[in-house]
N, C-alpha and C. Protein backbone atom coordinates (compact mmCIF):
# COMPACT_ATOMS: atom_id res chain seq x y z
N MET A 1 22.33 -24.54 0.98
CA MET A 1 21.02 -23.99 1.13
C MET A 1 20.61 -23.66 0.52
N GLU A 2 18.87 -24.03 0.91
CA GLU A 2 17.73 -24.09 0.22
C GLU A 2 17.10 -22.65 0.26
N VAL A 3 16.74 -21.75 -0.81
CA VAL A 3 15.95 -20.90 -0.72
C VAL A 3 14.80 -20.72 -0.52
N ASN A 4 13.96 -19.94 0.18
CA ASN A 4 12.55 -19.85 0.41
C ASN A 4 12.16 -19.15 -0.16
N ALA A 5 11.12 -19.57 -1.38
CA ALA A 5 10.85 -18.59 -2.78
C ALA A 5 9.52 -17.77 -1.96
N ASP A 6 8.92 -18.57 -0.92
CA ASP A 6 7.73 -17.90 -0.46
C ASP A 6 8.45 -16.54 0.48
N ASN A 7 9.22 -16.91 1.06
CA ASN A 7 9.85 -15.78 1.94
C ASN A 7 10.50 -14.60 1.39
N VAL A 8 10.89 -15.34 0.23
CA VAL A 8 11.76 -14.01 -0.53
C VAL A 8 10.63 -13.13 -0.77
N ARG A 9 9.59 -13.66 -1.35
CA ARG A 9 8.31 -12.68 -1.87
C ARG A 9 7.59 -11.89 -1.08
N SER A 10 7.68 -12.17 -0.09
CA SER A 10 6.86 -12.02 1.12
C SER A 10 7.72 -11.02 1.98
N GLN A 11 8.83 -10.38 1.68
CA GLN A 11 9.55 -9.65 2.30
C GLN A 11 9.96 -8.72 1.18
N MET A 12 10.06 -9.03 -0.11
CA MET A 12 9.53 -7.93 -1.04
C MET A 12 8.18 -7.25 -1.01
N ARG A 13 7.58 -7.80 -0.86
CA ARG A 13 5.86 -7.23 -0.68
C ARG A 13 6.00 -6.35 0.16
N LYS A 14 6.16 -6.82 1.72
CA LYS A 14 6.43 -5.98 2.76
C LYS A 14 7.37 -4.06 2.48
N GLY A 15 8.10 -4.45 1.68
CA GLY A 15 9.03 -3.44 1.37
C GLY A 15 8.54 -2.46 0.54
N VAL A 16 7.15 -2.88 -0.04
CA VAL A 16 6.28 -2.02 -1.13
C VAL A 16 5.05 -1.82 -0.77
N LEU A 17 4.53 -2.39 0.37
CA LEU A 17 3.16 -2.33 0.72
C LEU A 17 2.56 -0.67 0.71
N GLU A 18 3.44 0.05 1.71
CA GLU A 18 3.10 1.30 1.58
C GLU A 18 2.81 2.16 0.45
N TYR A 19 3.85 1.88 -0.81
CA TYR A 19 4.08 2.52 -1.93
C TYR A 19 2.27 2.04 -2.36
N CYS A 20 2.22 0.67 -2.48
CA CYS A 20 1.04 0.23 -2.83
C CYS A 20 -0.37 0.61 -2.69
N ILE A 21 -0.03 0.92 -1.30
CA ILE A 21 -1.31 1.68 -0.41
C ILE A 21 -1.79 3.02 -1.28
N LEU A 22 -0.67 4.00 -0.91
CA LEU A 22 -0.52 5.06 -1.67
C LEU A 22 -1.22 5.04 -3.45
N CYS A 23 -0.91 4.37 -3.78
CA CYS A 23 -1.32 3.98 -5.41
C CYS A 23 -2.57 3.74 -5.50
N ILE A 24 -2.79 3.13 -4.73
CA ILE A 24 -4.83 2.71 -4.39
C ILE A 24 -5.06 4.00 -4.05
N LEU A 25 -5.37 4.32 -3.05
CA LEU A 25 -5.98 5.85 -2.69
C LEU A 25 -5.37 6.68 -3.45
N ASP A 26 -4.73 6.90 -4.56
CA ASP A 26 -4.31 7.87 -5.28
C ASP A 26 -5.70 8.23 -6.52
N LYS A 27 -6.47 6.98 -6.50
CA LYS A 27 -7.25 6.92 -7.35
C LYS A 27 -8.64 7.10 -7.14
N HIS A 28 -8.83 6.59 -5.90
CA HIS A 28 -10.25 6.41 -5.33
C HIS A 28 -9.85 6.13 -3.19
N GLU A 29 -10.94 6.81 -2.64
CA GLU A 29 -11.22 6.64 -1.25
C GLU A 29 -11.12 5.06 -1.33
N ALA A 30 -11.00 4.50 0.08
CA ALA A 30 -11.70 3.26 0.13
C ALA A 30 -11.36 2.83 1.50
N TYR A 31 -11.64 1.89 2.04
CA TYR A 31 -11.69 1.06 3.43
C TYR A 31 -11.11 0.00 3.45
N ALA A 32 -10.29 -0.41 4.98
CA ALA A 32 -9.29 -1.39 4.92
C ALA A 32 -9.90 -2.77 3.88
N SER A 33 -11.06 -2.96 3.72
CA SER A 33 -11.51 -4.42 3.65
C SER A 33 -11.17 -4.46 1.88
N SER A 34 -11.70 -3.10 1.27
CA SER A 34 -11.27 -2.69 -0.07
C SER A 34 -10.04 -2.47 -0.70
N ILE A 35 -9.09 -2.14 0.42
CA ILE A 35 -7.68 -2.07 -0.03
C ILE A 35 -7.02 -3.36 -0.32
N ILE A 36 -7.39 -4.51 0.93
CA ILE A 36 -7.16 -5.84 0.80
C ILE A 36 -7.45 -6.50 -0.37
N ASP A 37 -8.27 -6.46 -0.83
CA ASP A 37 -9.35 -7.06 -1.76
C ASP A 37 -8.41 -6.53 -3.41
N GLU A 38 -8.08 -5.12 -3.28
CA GLU A 38 -7.26 -4.42 -4.74
C GLU A 38 -5.81 -5.25 -4.38
N LEU A 39 -5.42 -5.29 -3.36
CA LEU A 39 -4.07 -5.81 -3.08
C LEU A 39 -4.02 -7.34 -3.43
N LYS A 40 -5.13 -7.86 -3.45
CA LYS A 40 -4.98 -9.35 -3.69
C LYS A 40 -5.36 -9.77 -5.15
N LYS A 41 -6.13 -8.78 -5.52
CA LYS A 41 -6.25 -8.94 -6.97
C LYS A 41 -5.02 -8.80 -7.92
N ALA A 42 -3.86 -8.13 -7.12
CA ALA A 42 -2.81 -7.84 -7.84
C ALA A 42 -1.97 -8.83 -7.36
N ASP A 43 -2.00 -9.78 -6.39
CA ASP A 43 -1.50 -10.89 -6.01
C ASP A 43 -0.54 -10.37 -4.96
N MET A 44 -0.92 -9.19 -4.52
CA MET A 44 -0.42 -8.43 -3.83
C MET A 44 -0.92 -9.27 -1.77
N ILE A 45 -0.91 -10.34 -1.80
CA ILE A 45 -1.43 -10.90 -0.74
C ILE A 45 -0.84 -10.31 1.01
N VAL A 46 -1.98 -9.64 1.33
CA VAL A 46 -1.95 -9.18 2.69
C VAL A 46 -2.95 -9.50 3.58
N VAL A 47 -2.86 -9.21 4.98
CA VAL A 47 -3.56 -9.77 5.56
C VAL A 47 -4.15 -8.36 6.69
N GLU A 48 -5.35 -8.01 7.24
CA GLU A 48 -5.85 -6.71 8.22
C GLU A 48 -4.37 -6.59 9.04
N GLY A 49 -4.02 -7.78 9.73
CA GLY A 49 -3.02 -7.31 11.02
C GLY A 49 -1.65 -6.86 10.45
N THR A 50 -1.35 -6.82 8.85
CA THR A 50 -0.52 -6.04 8.39
C THR A 50 -0.85 -4.69 8.35
N LEU A 51 -1.82 -4.62 7.50
CA LEU A 51 -2.50 -3.87 6.82
C LEU A 51 -3.01 -2.26 7.70
N TYR A 52 -3.20 -2.62 8.75
CA TYR A 52 -3.78 -1.64 9.71
C TYR A 52 -2.81 -0.87 10.15
N PRO A 53 -1.51 -1.37 10.49
CA PRO A 53 -0.45 -0.81 11.08
C PRO A 53 -0.35 0.12 10.44
N LEU A 54 -0.08 0.03 8.93
CA LEU A 54 0.54 0.68 7.63
C LEU A 54 -0.39 1.88 7.67
N LEU A 55 -1.80 1.62 7.19
CA LEU A 55 -2.47 2.98 7.53
C LEU A 55 -2.33 3.72 8.74
N ILE A 56 -2.22 3.30 9.98
CA ILE A 56 -2.06 4.29 10.85
C ILE A 56 -0.51 4.88 10.65
N ARG A 57 0.41 4.26 10.34
CA ARG A 57 1.30 4.91 10.41
C ARG A 57 1.35 5.37 8.85
N GLN A 58 0.99 5.77 7.94
CA GLN A 58 0.66 6.45 7.01
C GLN A 58 0.05 7.95 7.38
N LYS A 59 -0.97 7.42 8.11
CA LYS A 59 -1.94 8.59 8.92
C LYS A 59 -1.41 9.40 9.70
N ASN A 60 -0.66 9.19 10.67
CA ASN A 60 0.13 9.68 11.56
C ASN A 60 1.20 10.78 10.83
N GLN A 61 1.79 10.16 9.93
CA GLN A 61 2.58 10.75 8.94
C GLN A 61 2.39 11.99 8.18
N GLY A 62 0.84 12.34 8.12
CA GLY A 62 0.33 12.93 7.16
C GLY A 62 -0.07 12.52 5.99
N LEU A 63 0.27 11.66 5.74
CA LEU A 63 0.30 11.24 4.26
C LEU A 63 -1.31 10.63 3.62
N LEU A 64 -1.79 10.16 4.76
CA LEU A 64 -3.77 9.74 4.31
C LEU A 64 -4.46 10.34 5.63
N SER A 65 -5.87 10.59 5.05
CA SER A 65 -6.80 10.70 6.51
C SER A 65 -7.68 10.00 6.04
N TYR A 66 -8.63 10.49 7.13
CA TYR A 66 -10.15 9.27 6.76
C TYR A 66 -11.29 9.89 7.34
N ARG A 67 -12.46 9.36 6.86
CA ARG A 67 -13.60 9.92 7.35
C ARG A 67 -14.56 8.35 7.71
N TRP A 68 -15.55 8.60 8.43
CA TRP A 68 -16.36 7.76 8.59
C TRP A 68 -17.38 7.62 8.09
N GLU A 69 -17.90 6.72 7.20
CA GLU A 69 -19.28 6.63 6.99
C GLU A 69 -20.16 5.49 7.04
N GLU A 70 -21.48 5.71 7.39
CA GLU A 70 -22.40 4.92 8.15
C GLU A 70 -22.64 3.34 6.79
N SER A 71 -22.65 2.19 7.21
CA SER A 71 -22.63 1.23 6.25
C SER A 71 -24.33 0.62 6.60
N THR A 72 -24.63 -0.06 5.54
CA THR A 72 -26.33 -0.59 5.72
C THR A 72 -25.62 -2.04 5.99
N GLN A 73 -24.34 -2.74 6.37
CA GLN A 73 -24.14 -3.49 6.54
C GLN A 73 -23.31 -3.44 7.79
N GLY A 74 -23.98 -3.61 8.56
CA GLY A 74 -22.97 -3.56 9.47
C GLY A 74 -22.61 -2.26 10.37
N PRO A 75 -21.26 -2.33 11.12
CA PRO A 75 -20.75 -0.94 11.97
C PRO A 75 -20.20 0.17 10.93
N PRO A 76 -19.93 1.15 11.21
CA PRO A 76 -20.04 2.24 9.97
C PRO A 76 -18.17 2.03 9.67
N ARG A 77 -17.73 2.62 8.62
CA ARG A 77 -16.91 2.10 7.69
C ARG A 77 -15.70 3.44 7.88
N LYS A 78 -14.48 3.18 7.88
CA LYS A 78 -13.21 4.13 7.82
C LYS A 78 -12.94 4.11 6.49
N TYR A 79 -13.06 5.52 5.96
CA TYR A 79 -12.53 5.50 4.11
C TYR A 79 -11.22 6.18 4.49
N TYR A 80 -10.30 5.61 3.81
CA TYR A 80 -9.27 6.17 3.98
C TYR A 80 -8.90 7.29 2.76
N CYS A 81 -8.20 8.21 2.43
CA CYS A 81 -7.94 9.00 1.39
C CYS A 81 -6.47 10.04 1.65
N ILE A 82 -5.94 10.00 0.20
CA ILE A 82 -4.89 10.46 0.38
C ILE A 82 -4.60 11.76 0.43
N THR A 83 -3.76 12.42 0.81
CA THR A 83 -3.68 13.78 1.15
C THR A 83 -2.74 14.43 0.30
N GLU A 84 -2.72 15.64 0.23
CA GLU A 84 -1.30 16.35 -0.55
C GLU A 84 0.20 15.84 -0.04
N ARG A 85 0.01 15.93 1.20
CA ARG A 85 1.51 15.40 1.31
C ARG A 85 1.58 13.78 1.07
N GLY A 86 0.64 13.25 0.93
CA GLY A 86 0.55 11.50 0.60
C GLY A 86 0.63 11.63 -1.07
N ARG A 87 0.12 12.81 -1.96
CA ARG A 87 0.83 12.65 -3.04
C ARG A 87 1.79 13.15 -3.29
N ALA A 88 2.77 13.85 -2.52
CA ALA A 88 3.86 14.36 -3.04
C ALA A 88 4.83 13.28 -2.36
N GLN A 89 4.73 12.16 -1.59
CA GLN A 89 5.34 11.14 -1.14
C GLN A 89 5.23 10.19 -2.16
N LEU A 90 4.04 9.93 -2.45
CA LEU A 90 3.93 9.11 -3.90
C LEU A 90 4.64 9.72 -5.25
N SER A 91 4.47 10.78 -5.08
CA SER A 91 5.40 11.14 -6.42
C SER A 91 7.18 11.08 -6.05
N GLU A 92 7.40 10.98 -4.99
CA GLU A 92 8.50 10.82 -4.98
C GLU A 92 8.99 9.25 -4.40
N MET A 93 8.12 8.10 -4.44
CA MET A 93 8.40 6.74 -4.37
C MET A 93 8.02 6.69 -5.52
N ASP A 94 7.18 6.90 -6.68
CA ASP A 94 7.31 6.61 -8.51
C ASP A 94 8.66 6.63 -8.39
N ALA A 95 9.38 8.04 -8.54
CA ALA A 95 10.71 8.24 -8.91
C ALA A 95 11.79 7.08 -8.48
N ALA A 96 11.27 6.71 -7.03
CA ALA A 96 12.51 5.94 -6.44
C ALA A 96 12.43 4.67 -7.36
N TRP A 97 10.75 4.09 -7.64
CA TRP A 97 10.90 2.73 -7.82
C TRP A 97 11.53 2.78 -9.45
N GLN A 98 10.83 3.88 -9.92
CA GLN A 98 11.49 3.74 -11.26
C GLN A 98 13.30 3.74 -11.43
N GLU A 99 13.99 4.43 -10.73
CA GLU A 99 15.63 4.34 -10.25
C GLU A 99 15.60 2.95 -9.82
N MET A 100 14.95 2.22 -9.05
CA MET A 100 15.65 1.23 -8.60
C MET A 100 15.11 -0.40 -9.78
N VAL A 101 14.04 -0.05 -10.21
CA VAL A 101 13.98 -1.17 -11.30
C VAL A 101 15.08 -0.66 -12.63
N ASN A 102 15.20 0.60 -12.81
CA ASN A 102 16.56 0.69 -13.79
C ASN A 102 18.12 -0.04 -13.56
N ALA A 103 18.36 0.19 -12.07
CA ALA A 103 19.38 -0.36 -11.89
C ALA A 103 19.65 -1.30 -11.38
N ILE A 104 18.14 -2.43 -11.48
CA ILE A 104 18.04 -3.74 -11.22
C ILE A 104 18.20 -4.58 -12.97
N GLU A 105 17.70 -3.46 -14.17
CA GLU A 105 17.72 -4.09 -15.14
C GLU A 105 19.40 -3.87 -15.40
N THR A 106 19.60 -2.75 -15.43
CA THR A 106 21.45 -2.39 -15.94
C THR A 106 22.33 -3.53 -15.05
N LEU A 107 21.80 -4.42 -13.97
CA LEU A 107 22.90 -5.25 -13.26
C LEU A 107 22.28 -6.56 -13.88
N LYS A 108 21.11 -6.71 -14.29
CA LYS A 108 20.98 -7.93 -14.77
C LYS A 108 21.59 -8.07 -16.51
N LYS A 109 21.55 -7.20 -17.11
CA LYS A 109 22.35 -6.97 -18.22
C LYS A 109 23.76 -7.76 -18.49
């Protein structure tokens, strides 16, 4: 049976996208297109159809908030920012990520 490397990478990325979004917004507020650009720079390729449901879910969980800002080019932009609850979640995710990395490194030895 052949392993589909692209599918494996895609599934792993989906599992950490919410973490990545919080990491980006912990540094600065951003609108969806700029979040996508930052994810692409990190080789975390994602499309708007994937990002928007995650942003909505994180907003509904109280992890993010947003504000509208007028744009000189086109319609107003929705800028997302992390909330205190989001920062607490990010801290938990940081710890969980480190535990997972440590476990995998142990298993690989």
